[in-house]
Amino acid sequence: MDEYLNKFHQEEIKIDNLINYENLLKSWFADTHKWRRRRLNVGNPAEVEGIRDKDRGDLLRELLKLLSEAFGEGLVTVAVFGSVARGESKPTSDTDILVIAENMPRSMSERMEALAGILMRLEASEACRRLRERGISTWVQFHPLMVDEARLHRPIYLDMVEDAVILHDRGGFFRSILNGLRGRLEELGARRVRLGDGSWLWDLKPDIKRGEVVEI
């Protein structure tokens, strides 16, 4: 838990206690947005089973439930990416989660404050307790976006285009974005190059000419 709180302090977020953040979360979505506050039935269990990191399956199921309760009908997409999605995670690895919601707060500070409440509730879950007992990190790194922001081809999508596991995607919203990005990468002849240390990079246009600007 100390490690968990320290990471939020590094982001300059002050966490007083779980109750304060639960109240913040409730007031934000109740007062600012007009969404129905019922829990959605999000996430296909088969999609969670598709995660190559089997240790974190229960954590992801619990997280889907909490995101559903927080964002209600405004929740558009939840996707796992990075080492957990690729099946290359270590016990110390974070779990990278993309969250797209119609009722996502506009300012980054308000987003992080709202998501802090979700993470505190997640940390109190049985799924996290079992992982901590085994020495496996329960830290979740959120990448929260509003719908209009998500429509842009963002650099971080390059880490998702081949390996992301989509747990919830209303109307295929994010799948269509990734399909469009894949098409653009194919047009460019882009290729992902794995380096000797296990990391990788994208060579977006192998035949690029001097002075040429590449847009994705």
Foldseek 3Di string as FASTA:
>chain_A
DVVQVVVVVVVVDDDPDLVVLVVLLVCLCVPPHDADQDFDPFFDLVLLVLFLQVLCSVLVVLLSRLVRNRQPPFWAWKKWFDCRLVNNDDLEDATEIETEGQSQDDDPNSNVSNVVSSVVVSCPDPSNVVSVVVSHDSHYDYDYDYLVVLLDPDPCCVRVLPGMRIGGHPPCSNVVSSVVVVVQQVVQVKDWAADPVRRIDIPSHPPDDPPDDDDD
